[in-house]
Amino acid sequence: MNHRPDRNHGARRPGARELLFVSAFVLLPLAAFAASAAPTASGSASASRVDFSLYQTLLNERLSVTSAKGEPFETRFNYEGYYDEKGREDRSAKIRKSFLAVSPKKMDPKTRLAWAINFYNYLVVDQGTQYLMMPDKFRQRYLSLKDIQIHGSPFFEYTAVTVDSVDYSLNAFERHFLFGDFDHKIGSQAPADLDPRLHFALNNGSIGCPSLQPRAFKPESLDAQLDAAVRLALASPKHLVLEDNPYKFQISALFGWYVADFGGAMKVIPWIQKYVPAAMSAKLQPYVERGTFGQVPWDWKLNQTLGWRFEEQMKPGATSKTGVKVPPPAPSKGTMRDST
C-alpha cells in the first residue's frame, strides 16, 4: 500500500441474517478445484498449522454487516469497542502470535496468500485501534487512518510487524507478501502469478475500500472467496457505476492505481466483465475499447460502526486533521492513471 498507490493512495488498497447473506458468496463448493489442485503433503502440514481462529473470533465479535438483504454488501468494524475492550493488548499479542506461529517461507502458495490477506487486514485493524484516539482530545477519534502519524511516520509507513526478523510497514507487508514486490507502475509488466483479485480482499480501514469480509480467508476455499470478494465489490456503487439517465460511468479507483496489475487499461473492462452479471457485462461491452474511465471518488473515512461522536464526525462537510472531508456524492471525471 510505497504509500498505497499502494492501498493508501493519496497519502495509497453477526447475526444469523448476515451470516446467511455472506455464506451464499464465500462458502461455495470447491470439489472440482480440490481434485485438480490438492496440496502436497508438506503443504497440508503447513496449512493445518496456520490457525486463523483467534482472528475469526474477533471478526465475529467486532465486525457487523451493515447492509440490508438485497443491498450492496457493506461491513463496519467497531474500532472503539475494541479500543475499550479490557485486556485488548493481551488479546492483540495472542492474535499476532497465532499469525506468526509458522513462517510464511514454510507455507504452500495458497496458505501463504490466505495468511497474508488475513494478517494484513488484522494489522490494519489492530494498529488502527491502538492509535485510534487523538492524543490531545478527549475521546475523539481520527476521521481517517491517513490522519494518523506514529512517531513521525505516516500510519501505513510505520513498522507494523516483524516477520522472520524483517520489519514491515503495512505498505511493505502488502507489497512483499501479496504482490511479490511488484511496483504497480503504469506500463510495467505484472508477474504472471500476480492475482488482481487480491485488491478486493484487502481492507485499509476506509469506507471506500472493498468491505472487510466476515470470514477469514482459508487456503482450501481461497479461489471461491476471492471471486466472491470481487463480485460483492463490483455490485456496489463504490466500485462500479453505469447509469443511463442521467449518464454516468465510473469504476473503482483501484483500477487506476493498479492498472498494470490488470494487464493495462485496455484489459480492465474485459476483466470486470468476468465478475458481473450478464446484463451488466452486456452494458459494459461498448466500453471495452476505451482506455480512460471516470473514477468513483474514494471515501477515506474510517469504516467504524456507530460510536462516540460518530454522527457529528461523519456528517457531510466534517473535516479531519489533514483535511479529509466527508463528501456529498459527486461524480469524478478523472482518467485512469498511475497514482505513484
C-alpha atoms as a PDB file:
ATOM      1  CA  MET A   1       0.000   0.000   0.000  1.00  0.00           C
ATOM      2  CA  ASN A   2       5.428   2.984  -1.286  1.00  0.00           C
ATOM      3  CA  HIS A   3       2.145   4.804   0.096  1.00  0.00           C
ATOM      4  CA  ARG A   4      -0.589   2.623  -1.412  1.00  0.00           C
ATOM      5  CA  PRO A   5      -0.883   3.670  -4.700  1.00  0.00           C
ATOM      6  CA  ASP A   6      -0.341   1.173  -2.725  1.00  0.00           C
ATOM      7  CA  ARG A   7      -3.780   0.850  -0.869  1.00  0.00           C
ATOM      8  CA  ASN A   8      -3.318   4.230   0.737  1.00  0.00           C
ATOM      9  CA  HIS A   9      -3.113   6.323  -2.345  1.00  0.00           C
ATOM     10  CA  GLY A  10      -3.055   9.991  -1.827  1.00  0.00           C
ATOM     11  CA  ALA A  11      -1.155   9.977   1.453  1.00  0.00           C
ATOM     12  CA  ARG A  12      -2.157   4.929  -1.072  1.00  0.00           C
ATOM     13  CA  ARG A  13      -5.723  -0.719  -1.291  1.00  0.00           C
ATOM     14  CA  PRO A  14     -23.094 -11.035  13.271  1.00  0.00           C
ATOM     15  CA  GLY A  15     -26.403 -12.079  13.353  1.00  0.00           C
ATOM     16  CA  ALA A  16     -27.984 -15.018  11.571  1.00  0.00           C
ATOM     17  CA  ARG A  17     -29.209 -12.870   8.680  1.00  0.00           C
ATOM     18  CA  GLU A  18     -25.749 -11.503   7.996  1.00  0.00           C
ATOM     19  CA  LEU A  19     -24.138 -14.925   8.058  1.00  0.00           C
ATOM     20  CA  LEU A  20     -26.728 -16.365   5.682  1.00  0.00           C
ATOM     21  CA  PHE A  21     -26.253 -13.440   3.297  1.00  0.00           C
ATOM     22  CA  VAL A  22     -22.486 -13.797   3.174  1.00  0.00           C
ATOM     23  CA  SER A  23     -22.376 -17.585   3.068  1.00  0.00           C
ATOM     24  CA  ALA A  24     -24.023 -17.650  -0.348  1.00  0.00           C
ATOM     25  CA  PHE A  25     -20.914 -15.966  -1.724  1.00  0.00           C
ATOM     26  CA  VAL A  26     -17.994 -17.224   0.303  1.00  0.00           C
ATOM     27  CA  LEU A  27     -18.824 -20.856   1.075  1.00  0.00           C
ATOM     28  CA  LEU A  28     -19.085 -22.173  -2.475  1.00  0.00           C
ATOM     29  CA  PRO A  29     -18.219 -25.836  -3.150  1.00  0.00           C
ATOM     30  CA  LEU A  30     -14.638 -26.437  -4.251  1.00  0.00           C
ATOM     31  CA  ALA A  31     -14.720 -30.125  -5.046  1.00  0.00           C
ATOM     32  CA  ALA A  32     -13.521 -29.607  -8.598  1.00  0.00           C
ATOM     33  CA  PHE A  33     -10.743 -27.287  -7.518  1.00  0.00           C
ATOM     34  CA  ALA A  34      -9.640 -29.578  -4.704  1.00  0.00           C
ATOM     35  CA  ALA A  35      -9.432 -32.515  -7.074  1.00  0.00           C
ATOM     36  CA  SER A  36      -7.207 -30.662  -9.527  1.00  0.00           C
ATOM     37  CA  ALA A  37      -5.058 -28.745  -7.054  1.00  0.00           C
ATOM     38  CA  ALA A  38      -4.663 -30.886  -3.944  1.00  0.00           C
ATOM     39  CA  PRO A  39      -1.789 -29.600  -1.781  1.00  0.00           C
ATOM     40  CA  THR A  40       1.358 -31.579  -1.272  1.00  0.00           C
ATOM     41  CA  ALA A  41       1.956 -33.408   1.968  1.00  0.00           C
ATOM     42  CA  SER A  42       4.218 -30.636   3.203  1.00  0.00           C
ATOM     43  CA  GLY A  43       1.642 -28.068   2.098  1.00  0.00           C
ATOM     44  CA  SER A  44      -1.088 -29.845   4.023  1.00  0.00           C
ATOM     45  CA  ALA A  45       1.060 -29.924   7.123  1.00  0.00           C
ATOM     46  CA  SER A  46       1.785 -26.202   6.977  1.00  0.00           C
ATOM     47  CA  ALA A  47      -1.838 -25.343   6.252  1.00  0.00           C
ATOM     48  CA  SER A  48      -3.039 -27.337   9.241  1.00  0.00           C
ATOM     49  CA  ARG A  49      -0.677 -25.376  11.474  1.00  0.00           C
ATOM     50  CA  VAL A  50      -1.880 -21.929  10.409  1.00  0.00           C
ATOM     51  CA  ASP A  51      -4.630 -21.043  12.837  1.00  0.00           C
ATOM     52  CA  PHE A  52      -6.987 -18.177  11.975  1.00  0.00           C
ATOM     53  CA  SER A  53      -9.482 -18.940  14.744  1.00  0.00           C
ATOM     54  CA  LEU A  54      -8.496 -16.056  17.040  1.00  0.00           C
ATOM     55  CA  TYR A  55      -8.800 -13.587  14.161  1.00  0.00           C
ATOM     56  CA  GLN A  56     -12.140 -15.128  13.186  1.00  0.00           C
ATOM     57  CA  THR A  57     -13.446 -14.737  16.741  1.00  0.00           C
ATOM     58  CA  LEU A  58     -12.534 -11.061  16.660  1.00  0.00           C
ATOM     59  CA  LEU A  59     -14.435 -10.633  13.387  1.00  0.00           C
ATOM     60  CA  ASN A  60     -17.435 -12.407  14.893  1.00  0.00           C
ATOM     61  CA  GLU A  61     -17.446 -10.018  17.830  1.00  0.00           C
ATOM     62  CA  ARG A  62     -16.456  -6.674  16.293  1.00  0.00           C
ATOM     63  CA  LEU A  63     -17.419  -6.754  12.599  1.00  0.00           C
ATOM     64  CA  SER A  64     -21.005  -6.055  11.556  1.00  0.00           C
ATOM     65  CA  VAL A  65     -22.741  -6.440   8.221  1.00  0.00           C
ATOM     66  CA  THR A  66     -24.482  -3.082   7.876  1.00  0.00           C
ATOM     67  CA  SER A  67     -26.227  -3.592   4.545  1.00  0.00           C
ATOM     68  CA  ALA A  68     -29.744  -4.958   4.327  1.00  0.00           C
ATOM     69  CA  LYS A  69     -30.519  -8.042   2.273  1.00  0.00           C
ATOM     70  CA  GLY A  70     -30.522  -7.128  -1.394  1.00  0.00           C
ATOM     71  CA  GLU A  71     -28.382  -4.016  -0.900  1.00  0.00           C
ATOM     72  CA  PRO A  72     -24.704  -3.751  -1.909  1.00  0.00           C
ATOM     73  CA  PHE A  73     -22.639  -5.582   0.678  1.00  0.00           C
ATOM     74  CA  GLU A  74     -21.149  -3.381   3.432  1.00  0.00           C
ATOM     75  CA  THR A  75     -19.430  -4.070   6.732  1.00  0.00           C
ATOM     76  CA  ARG A  76     -18.122  -1.881   9.549  1.00  0.00           C
ATOM     77  CA  PHE A  77     -15.627  -2.670  12.290  1.00  0.00           C
ATOM     78  CA  ASN A  78     -16.130  -1.481  15.856  1.00  0.00           C
ATOM     79  CA  TYR A  79     -12.713   0.071  16.476  1.00  0.00           C
ATOM     80  CA  GLU A  80     -13.978   1.974  19.504  1.00  0.00           C
ATOM     81  CA  GLY A  81     -15.384  -1.172  21.083  1.00  0.00           C
ATOM     82  CA  TYR A  82     -12.111  -2.970  20.527  1.00  0.00           C
ATOM     83  CA  TYR A  83     -10.180   0.049  21.839  1.00  0.00           C
ATOM     84  CA  ASP A  84     -12.151  -0.063  25.115  1.00  0.00           C
ATOM     85  CA  GLU A  85     -12.014  -3.838  25.468  1.00  0.00           C
ATOM     86  CA  LYS A  86     -10.492  -4.983  28.748  1.00  0.00           C
ATOM     87  CA  GLY A  87      -7.361  -6.987  28.064  1.00  0.00           C
ATOM     88  CA  ARG A  88      -7.136  -5.799  24.461  1.00  0.00           C
ATOM     89  CA  GLU A  89      -3.338  -5.616  24.440  1.00  0.00           C
ATOM     90  CA  ASP A  90      -3.024  -9.208  25.627  1.00  0.00           C
ATOM     91  CA  ARG A  91      -5.585 -10.316  23.080  1.00  0.00           C
ATOM     92  CA  SER A  92      -3.747  -8.454  20.337  1.00  0.00           C
ATOM     93  CA  ALA A  93      -0.489 -10.151  21.297  1.00  0.00           C
ATOM     94  CA  LYS A  94      -2.139 -13.582  21.140  1.00  0.00           C
ATOM     95  CA  ILE A  95      -3.676 -12.937  17.712  1.00  0.00           C
ATOM     96  CA  ARG A  96      -0.344 -11.690  16.369  1.00  0.00           C
ATOM     97  CA  LYS A  97       1.401 -14.720  17.844  1.00  0.00           C
ATOM     98  CA  SER A  98      -1.072 -17.029  16.095  1.00  0.00           C
ATOM     99  CA  PHE A  99      -0.258 -15.411  12.750  1.00  0.00           C
ATOM    100  CA  LEU A 100       3.485 -15.661  13.385  1.00  0.00           C
ATOM    101  CA  ALA A 101       3.469 -19.262  14.645  1.00  0.00           C
ATOM    102  CA  VAL A 102       4.501 -20.535  11.204  1.00  0.00           C
ATOM    103  CA  SER A 103       6.997 -18.814   8.927  1.00  0.00           C
ATOM    104  CA  PRO A 104       5.450 -17.908   5.557  1.00  0.00           C
ATOM    105  CA  LYS A 105       8.535 -19.496   3.993  1.00  0.00           C
ATOM    106  CA  LYS A 106       7.182 -22.866   5.139  1.00  0.00           C
ATOM    107  CA  MET A 107       3.691 -22.345   3.700  1.00  0.00           C
ATOM    108  CA  ASP A 108       2.405 -23.550   0.345  1.00  0.00           C
ATOM    109  CA  PRO A 109       1.333 -20.715  -2.014  1.00  0.00           C
ATOM    110  CA  LYS A 110      -2.379 -20.744  -1.216  1.00  0.00           C
ATOM    111  CA  THR A 111      -1.812 -20.933   2.517  1.00  0.00           C
ATOM    112  CA  ARG A 112       0.648 -18.058   2.307  1.00  0.00           C
ATOM    113  CA  LEU A 113      -1.821 -15.903   0.365  1.00  0.00           C
ATOM    114  CA  ALA A 114      -4.662 -16.609   2.792  1.00  0.00           C
ATOM    115  CA  TRP A 115      -2.292 -15.874   5.682  1.00  0.00           C
ATOM    116  CA  ALA A 116      -1.122 -12.605   4.119  1.00  0.00           C
ATOM    117  CA  ILE A 117      -4.666 -11.365   3.384  1.00  0.00           C
ATOM    118  CA  ASN A 118      -5.874 -12.118   6.886  1.00  0.00           C
ATOM    119  CA  PHE A 119      -2.761 -10.803   8.599  1.00  0.00           C
ATOM    120  CA  TYR A 120      -2.757  -7.551   6.605  1.00  0.00           C
ATOM    121  CA  ASN A 121      -6.423  -6.957   7.388  1.00  0.00           C
ATOM    122  CA  TYR A 122      -5.814  -7.684  11.055  1.00  0.00           C
ATOM    123  CA  LEU A 123      -2.755  -5.451  11.260  1.00  0.00           C
ATOM    124  CA  VAL A 124      -4.793  -2.533   9.883  1.00  0.00           C
ATOM    125  CA  VAL A 125      -7.493  -3.133  12.493  1.00  0.00           C
ATOM    126  CA  ASP A 126      -5.009  -3.670  15.315  1.00  0.00           C
ATOM    127  CA  GLN A 127      -2.788  -0.669  14.581  1.00  0.00           C
ATOM    128  CA  GLY A 128      -5.816   1.474  13.787  1.00  0.00           C
ATOM    129  CA  THR A 129      -7.335   0.604  17.141  1.00  0.00           C
ATOM    130  CA  GLN A 130      -4.131   1.210  19.072  1.00  0.00           C
ATOM    131  CA  TYR A 131      -3.763   4.741  17.673  1.00  0.00           C
ATOM    132  CA  LEU A 132      -7.473   5.445  17.230  1.00  0.00           C
ATOM    133  CA  MET A 133      -7.832   8.403  19.572  1.00  0.00           C
ATOM    134  CA  MET A 134      -6.288  11.843  19.123  1.00  0.00           C
ATOM    135  CA  PRO A 135      -3.758  12.291  21.951  1.00  0.00           C
ATOM    136  CA  ASP A 136      -4.753  15.904  22.645  1.00  0.00           C
ATOM    137  CA  LYS A 137      -8.527  15.370  22.543  1.00  0.00           C
ATOM    138  CA  PHE A 138     -10.965  13.679  24.909  1.00  0.00           C
ATOM    139  CA  ARG A 139     -12.495  10.607  23.266  1.00  0.00           C
ATOM    140  CA  GLN A 140     -12.167  11.996  19.763  1.00  0.00           C
ATOM    141  CA  ARG A 141     -11.014   9.506  17.221  1.00  0.00           C
ATOM    142  CA  TYR A 142      -9.322  10.219  13.941  1.00  0.00           C
ATOM    143  CA  LEU A 143     -11.651  10.567  10.996  1.00  0.00           C
ATOM    144  CA  SER A 144      -9.288   8.602   8.760  1.00  0.00           C
ATOM    145  CA  LEU A 145      -6.287   6.358   9.305  1.00  0.00           C
ATOM    146  CA  LYS A 146      -4.425   8.605   6.886  1.00  0.00           C
ATOM    147  CA  ASP A 147      -4.584  11.338   9.553  1.00  0.00           C
ATOM    148  CA  ILE A 148      -2.516   9.286  11.978  1.00  0.00           C
ATOM    149  CA  GLN A 149       1.201   9.851  12.447  1.00  0.00           C
ATOM    150  CA  ILE A 150       3.055   7.322  14.608  1.00  0.00           C
ATOM    151  CA  HIS A 151       6.350   8.601  15.989  1.00  0.00           C
ATOM    152  CA  GLY A 152       6.684  10.843  12.961  1.00  0.00           C
ATOM    153  CA  SER A 153       5.794   8.207  10.364  1.00  0.00           C
ATOM    154  CA  PRO A 154       2.562   8.016   8.334  1.00  0.00           C
ATOM    155  CA  PHE A 155       0.231   5.281   9.536  1.00  0.00           C
ATOM    156  CA  PHE A 156       0.876   2.954   6.606  1.00  0.00           C
ATOM    157  CA  GLU A 157       4.657   3.501   6.657  1.00  0.00           C
ATOM    158  CA  TYR A 158       5.205   2.832  10.374  1.00  0.00           C
ATOM    159  CA  THR A 159       6.630  -0.588  11.250  1.00  0.00           C
ATOM    160  CA  ALA A 160       3.602  -2.764  11.919  1.00  0.00           C
ATOM    161  CA  VAL A 161       5.143  -6.219  12.317  1.00  0.00           C
ATOM    162  CA  THR A 162       8.357  -8.231  12.229  1.00  0.00           C
ATOM    163  CA  VAL A 163       8.273 -11.409  10.144  1.00  0.00           C
ATOM    164  CA  ASP A 164      11.296 -13.720  10.013  1.00  0.00           C
ATOM    165  CA  SER A 165      13.452 -10.974  11.582  1.00  0.00           C
ATOM    166  CA  VAL A 166      12.450  -8.401   8.931  1.00  0.00           C
ATOM    167  CA  ASP A 167      10.438  -5.296   9.848  1.00  0.00           C
ATOM    168  CA  TYR A 168       7.455  -4.414   7.639  1.00  0.00           C
ATOM    169  CA  SER A 169       5.182  -1.412   7.471  1.00  0.00           C
ATOM    170  CA  LEU A 170       1.663  -2.111   6.248  1.00  0.00           C
ATOM    171  CA  ASN A 171       2.645  -0.908   2.782  1.00  0.00           C
ATOM    172  CA  ALA A 172       5.788  -3.040   2.742  1.00  0.00           C
ATOM    173  CA  PHE A 173       3.941  -6.106   4.060  1.00  0.00           C
ATOM    174  CA  GLU A 174       1.326  -5.831   1.339  1.00  0.00           C
ATOM    175  CA  ARG A 175       3.843  -5.197  -1.409  1.00  0.00           C
ATOM    176  CA  HIS A 176       6.085  -8.122  -0.412  1.00  0.00           C
ATOM    177  CA  PHE A 177       3.752 -10.876   0.741  1.00  0.00           C
ATOM    178  CA  LEU A 178       0.788 -10.226  -1.549  1.00  0.00           C
ATOM    179  CA  PHE A 179       2.267  -8.769  -4.720  1.00  0.00           C
ATOM    180  CA  GLY A 180       5.778 -10.180  -4.836  1.00  0.00           C
ATOM    181  CA  ASP A 181       7.385  -6.720  -4.546  1.00  0.00           C
ATOM    182  CA  PHE A 182       5.828  -5.614  -7.841  1.00  0.00           C
ATOM    183  CA  ASP A 183       5.850  -1.794  -8.031  1.00  0.00           C
ATOM    184  CA  HIS A 184       2.444  -1.462  -9.807  1.00  0.00           C
ATOM    185  CA  LYS A 185       3.792   1.298 -12.079  1.00  0.00           C
ATOM    186  CA  ILE A 186       1.820   2.019 -15.217  1.00  0.00           C
ATOM    187  CA  GLY A 187       3.359   0.307 -18.215  1.00  0.00           C
ATOM    188  CA  SER A 188       5.052  -2.315 -16.060  1.00  0.00           C
ATOM    189  CA  GLN A 189       4.540  -5.973 -16.826  1.00  0.00           C
ATOM    190  CA  ALA A 190       2.880  -7.646 -13.872  1.00  0.00           C
ATOM    191  CA  PRO A 191       4.265 -11.040 -12.841  1.00  0.00           C
ATOM    192  CA  ALA A 192       2.347 -13.931 -14.333  1.00  0.00           C
ATOM    193  CA  ASP A 193       1.301 -15.178 -10.904  1.00  0.00           C
ATOM    194  CA  LEU A 194       0.018 -11.806  -9.633  1.00  0.00           C
ATOM    195  CA  ASP A 195      -3.670 -12.113  -8.772  1.00  0.00           C
ATOM    196  CA  PRO A 196      -5.607  -8.807  -9.178  1.00  0.00           C
ATOM    197  CA  ARG A 197      -8.471 -10.234  -7.122  1.00  0.00           C
ATOM    198  CA  LEU A 198      -6.351  -9.616  -4.034  1.00  0.00           C
ATOM    199  CA  HIS A 199      -7.112  -5.890  -4.292  1.00  0.00           C
ATOM    200  CA  PHE A 200     -10.726  -6.696  -3.420  1.00  0.00           C
ATOM    201  CA  ALA A 201      -9.833  -8.903  -0.452  1.00  0.00           C
ATOM    202  CA  LEU A 202      -7.757  -6.258   1.360  1.00  0.00           C
ATOM    203  CA  ASN A 203      -9.258  -3.531   3.508  1.00  0.00           C
ATOM    204  CA  ASN A 204      -7.236  -0.469   4.505  1.00  0.00           C
ATOM    205  CA  GLY A 205      -9.716   0.749   7.112  1.00  0.00           C
ATOM    206  CA  SER A 206     -11.547   3.137   4.788  1.00  0.00           C
ATOM    207  CA  ILE A 207     -15.182   3.123   3.702  1.00  0.00           C
ATOM    208  CA  GLY A 208     -14.102   3.420   0.070  1.00  0.00           C
ATOM    209  CA  CYS A 209     -12.201   0.145   0.221  1.00  0.00           C
ATOM    210  CA  PRO A 210     -13.867  -3.192  -0.558  1.00  0.00           C
ATOM    211  CA  SER A 211     -15.576  -4.277   2.630  1.00  0.00           C
ATOM    212  CA  LEU A 212     -13.729  -6.308   5.237  1.00  0.00           C
ATOM    213  CA  GLN A 213     -15.054  -9.836   4.847  1.00  0.00           C
ATOM    214  CA  PRO A 214     -16.775 -11.506   7.835  1.00  0.00           C
ATOM    215  CA  ARG A 215     -14.990 -14.796   7.203  1.00  0.00           C
ATOM    216  CA  ALA A 216     -11.242 -15.284   7.350  1.00  0.00           C
ATOM    217  CA  PHE A 217      -9.779 -16.394   4.033  1.00  0.00           C
ATOM    218  CA  LYS A 218      -8.735 -20.040   4.006  1.00  0.00           C
ATOM    219  CA  PRO A 219      -6.396 -21.840   1.604  1.00  0.00           C
ATOM    220  CA  GLU A 220      -8.916 -24.570   0.796  1.00  0.00           C
ATOM    221  CA  SER A 221     -11.584 -22.049  -0.266  1.00  0.00           C
ATOM    222  CA  LEU A 222      -9.363 -19.182  -1.390  1.00  0.00           C
ATOM    223  CA  ASP A 223     -10.406 -19.093  -5.043  1.00  0.00           C
ATOM    224  CA  ALA A 224     -14.105 -19.060  -4.226  1.00  0.00           C
ATOM    225  CA  GLN A 225     -13.625 -16.401  -1.549  1.00  0.00           C
ATOM    226  CA  LEU A 226     -11.585 -14.151  -3.848  1.00  0.00           C
ATOM    227  CA  ASP A 227     -14.190 -14.472  -6.603  1.00  0.00           C
ATOM    228  CA  ALA A 228     -16.918 -13.612  -4.112  1.00  0.00           C
ATOM    229  CA  ALA A 229     -14.998 -10.581  -2.817  1.00  0.00           C
ATOM    230  CA  VAL A 230     -14.672  -9.203  -6.353  1.00  0.00           C
ATOM    231  CA  ARG A 231     -18.328  -9.800  -7.205  1.00  0.00           C
ATOM    232  CA  LEU A 232     -19.524  -8.214  -3.971  1.00  0.00           C
ATOM    233  CA  ALA A 233     -17.370  -5.134  -4.571  1.00  0.00           C
ATOM    234  CA  LEU A 234     -18.416  -4.691  -8.197  1.00  0.00           C
ATOM    235  CA  ALA A 235     -22.068  -4.900  -7.157  1.00  0.00           C
ATOM    236  CA  SER A 236     -21.507  -1.739  -5.106  1.00  0.00           C
ATOM    237  CA  PRO A 237     -21.586   1.828  -6.486  1.00  0.00           C
ATOM    238  CA  LYS A 238     -18.306   2.353  -4.618  1.00  0.00           C
ATOM    239  CA  HIS A 239     -16.619   0.353  -7.351  1.00  0.00           C
ATOM    240  CA  LEU A 240     -18.825   0.354 -10.442  1.00  0.00           C
ATOM    241  CA  VAL A 241     -21.449   2.828 -11.627  1.00  0.00           C
ATOM    242  CA  LEU A 242     -23.118   2.652 -15.036  1.00  0.00           C
ATOM    243  CA  GLU A 243     -26.311   4.669 -15.331  1.00  0.00           C
ATOM    244  CA  ASP A 244     -28.215   5.752 -18.419  1.00  0.00           C
ATOM    245  CA  ASN A 245     -30.319   8.656 -17.195  1.00  0.00           C
ATOM    246  CA  PRO A 246     -28.537  10.774 -16.317  1.00  0.00           C
ATOM    247  CA  TYR A 247     -25.492   9.166 -17.867  1.00  0.00           C
ATOM    248  CA  LYS A 248     -22.696   8.209 -15.507  1.00  0.00           C
ATOM    249  CA  PHE A 249     -19.918   5.657 -15.925  1.00  0.00           C
ATOM    250  CA  GLN A 250     -17.326   5.285 -13.174  1.00  0.00           C
ATOM    251  CA  ILE A 251     -15.163   2.451 -11.945  1.00  0.00           C
ATOM    252  CA  SER A 252     -13.204   1.933  -8.750  1.00  0.00           C
ATOM    253  CA  ALA A 253     -10.010   3.933  -8.262  1.00  0.00           C
ATOM    254  CA  LEU A 254      -8.342   0.559  -7.682  1.00  0.00           C
ATOM    255  CA  PHE A 255      -8.361   0.037 -11.449  1.00  0.00           C
ATOM    256  CA  GLY A 256      -6.474   3.290 -11.927  1.00  0.00           C
ATOM    257  CA  TRP A 257      -3.978   2.918  -9.095  1.00  0.00           C
ATOM    258  CA  TYR A 258      -3.164  -0.667 -10.085  1.00  0.00           C
ATOM    259  CA  VAL A 259      -3.918  -0.639 -13.785  1.00  0.00           C
ATOM    260  CA  ALA A 260      -0.735  -2.610 -14.519  1.00  0.00           C
ATOM    261  CA  ASP A 261      -1.966  -5.437 -12.290  1.00  0.00           C
ATOM    262  CA  PHE A 262      -4.988  -5.879 -14.556  1.00  0.00           C
ATOM    263  CA  GLY A 263      -2.852  -6.036 -17.699  1.00  0.00           C
ATOM    264  CA  GLY A 264      -3.178  -2.387 -18.716  1.00  0.00           C
ATOM    265  CA  ALA A 265      -6.076  -0.022 -19.343  1.00  0.00           C
ATOM    266  CA  MET A 266      -7.411  -1.882 -22.379  1.00  0.00           C
ATOM    267  CA  LYS A 267      -7.893  -5.064 -20.342  1.00  0.00           C
ATOM    268  CA  VAL A 268      -9.752  -3.505 -17.410  1.00  0.00           C
ATOM    269  CA  ILE A 269     -13.309  -3.748 -18.775  1.00  0.00           C
ATOM    270  CA  PRO A 270     -12.914  -7.353 -20.014  1.00  0.00           C
ATOM    271  CA  TRP A 271     -11.596  -8.229 -16.543  1.00  0.00           C
ATOM    272  CA  ILE A 272     -14.604  -6.595 -14.869  1.00  0.00           C
ATOM    273  CA  GLN A 273     -17.000  -8.385 -17.223  1.00  0.00           C
ATOM    274  CA  LYS A 274     -15.928 -11.745 -15.794  1.00  0.00           C
ATOM    275  CA  TYR A 275     -17.286 -10.814 -12.365  1.00  0.00           C
ATOM    276  CA  VAL A 276     -20.557  -9.024 -13.038  1.00  0.00           C
ATOM    277  CA  PRO A 277     -23.987 -10.377 -14.038  1.00  0.00           C
ATOM    278  CA  ALA A 278     -24.613 -10.959 -17.751  1.00  0.00           C
ATOM    279  CA  ALA A 279     -26.832  -7.889 -18.071  1.00  0.00           C
ATOM    280  CA  MET A 280     -24.132  -5.604 -16.678  1.00  0.00           C
ATOM    281  CA  SER A 281     -21.475  -7.293 -18.789  1.00  0.00           C
ATOM    282  CA  ALA A 282     -23.528  -6.532 -21.891  1.00  0.00           C
ATOM    283  CA  LYS A 283     -23.888  -2.880 -20.854  1.00  0.00           C
ATOM    284  CA  LEU A 284     -20.122  -2.678 -20.459  1.00  0.00           C
ATOM    285  CA  GLN A 285     -19.374  -4.118 -23.901  1.00  0.00           C
ATOM    286  CA  PRO A 286     -19.344  -0.728 -25.713  1.00  0.00           C
ATOM    287  CA  TYR A 287     -16.572   0.427 -23.349  1.00  0.00           C
ATOM    288  CA  VAL A 288     -14.199  -2.469 -23.971  1.00  0.00           C
ATOM    289  CA  GLU A 289     -12.037  -0.453 -26.361  1.00  0.00           C
ATOM    290  CA  ARG A 290     -11.802   2.583 -24.102  1.00  0.00           C
ATOM    291  CA  GLY A 291      -8.623   3.217 -22.129  1.00  0.00           C
ATOM    292  CA  THR A 292      -9.816   6.113 -19.974  1.00  0.00           C
ATOM    293  CA  PHE A 293     -12.582   5.971 -17.405  1.00  0.00           C
ATOM    294  CA  GLY A 294     -14.155   8.098 -14.731  1.00  0.00           C
ATOM    295  CA  GLN A 295     -13.308   7.010 -11.212  1.00  0.00           C
ATOM    296  CA  VAL A 296     -15.649   6.705  -8.258  1.00  0.00           C
ATOM    297  CA  PRO A 297     -14.419   9.203  -5.614  1.00  0.00           C
ATOM    298  CA  TRP A 298     -12.609   7.294  -2.875  1.00  0.00           C
ATOM    299  CA  ASP A 299     -14.035   7.678   0.627  1.00  0.00           C
ATOM    300  CA  TRP A 300     -11.150   7.689   3.103  1.00  0.00           C
ATOM    301  CA  LYS A 301     -13.297   7.912   6.253  1.00  0.00           C
ATOM    302  CA  LEU A 302     -12.763   5.162   8.806  1.00  0.00           C
ATOM    303  CA  ASN A 303     -15.051   2.157   8.402  1.00  0.00           C
ATOM    304  CA  GLN A 304     -16.157   2.482  12.029  1.00  0.00           C
ATOM    305  CA  THR A 305     -19.502   1.335  13.392  1.00  0.00           C
ATOM    306  CA  LEU A 306     -21.612   3.730  15.426  1.00  0.00           C
ATOM    307  CA  GLY A 307     -19.740   5.096  18.407  1.00  0.00           C
ATOM    308  CA  TRP A 308     -18.770   8.163  20.411  1.00  0.00           C
ATOM    309  CA  ARG A 309     -19.409  11.385  18.431  1.00  0.00           C
ATOM    310  CA  PHE A 310     -19.886   9.256  15.317  1.00  0.00           C
ATOM    311  CA  GLU A 311     -22.787  11.230  13.882  1.00  0.00           C
ATOM    312  CA  GLU A 312     -21.050  14.560  14.455  1.00  0.00           C
ATOM    313  CA  GLN A 313     -17.836  13.425  12.837  1.00  0.00           C
ATOM    314  CA  MET A 314     -19.462  11.726   9.861  1.00  0.00           C
ATOM    315  CA  LYS A 315     -21.869  14.444   8.762  1.00  0.00           C
ATOM    316  CA  PRO A 316     -21.202  15.990   5.314  1.00  0.00           C
ATOM    317  CA  GLY A 317     -18.659  18.767   5.478  1.00  0.00           C
ATOM    318  CA  ALA A 318     -16.795  17.478   8.538  1.00  0.00           C
ATOM    319  CA  THR A 319     -13.058  17.935   8.097  1.00  0.00           C
ATOM    320  CA  SER A 320     -10.351  15.750   9.579  1.00  0.00           C
ATOM    321  CA  LYS A 321      -6.989  16.843  10.887  1.00  0.00           C
ATOM    322  CA  THR A 322      -5.324  16.506   7.487  1.00  0.00           C
ATOM    323  CA  GLY A 323      -8.225  17.877   5.508  1.00  0.00           C
ATOM    324  CA  VAL A 324     -10.069  14.663   4.633  1.00  0.00           C
ATOM    325  CA  LYS A 325     -13.670  15.723   4.213  1.00  0.00           C
ATOM    326  CA  VAL A 326     -16.905  13.807   4.398  1.00  0.00           C
ATOM    327  CA  PRO A 327     -18.013  14.439   0.834  1.00  0.00           C
ATOM    328  CA  PRO A 328     -21.508  14.540  -0.594  1.00  0.00           C
ATOM    329  CA  PRO A 329     -21.836  12.134  -3.533  1.00  0.00           C
ATOM    330  CA  ALA A 330     -20.192  13.685  -6.571  1.00  0.00           C
ATOM    331  CA  PRO A 331     -19.101  12.380  -9.982  1.00  0.00           C
ATOM    332  CA  SER A 332     -15.429  12.006 -10.800  1.00  0.00           C
ATOM    333  CA  LYS A 333     -14.126  12.895 -14.230  1.00  0.00           C
ATOM    334  CA  GLY A 334     -10.619  11.608 -13.661  1.00  0.00           C
ATOM    335  CA  THR A 335      -8.979   9.182 -16.013  1.00  0.00           C
ATOM    336  CA  MET A 336      -7.115   6.011 -15.270  1.00  0.00           C
ATOM    337  CA  ARG A 337      -3.528   6.836 -14.459  1.00  0.00           C
ATOM    338  CA  ASP A 338      -0.748   5.659 -12.272  1.00  0.00           C
ATOM    339  CA  SER A 339      -1.011   7.005  -8.752  1.00  0.00           C
ATOM    340  CA  THR A 340       2.656   6.921  -7.917  1.00  0.00           C
END
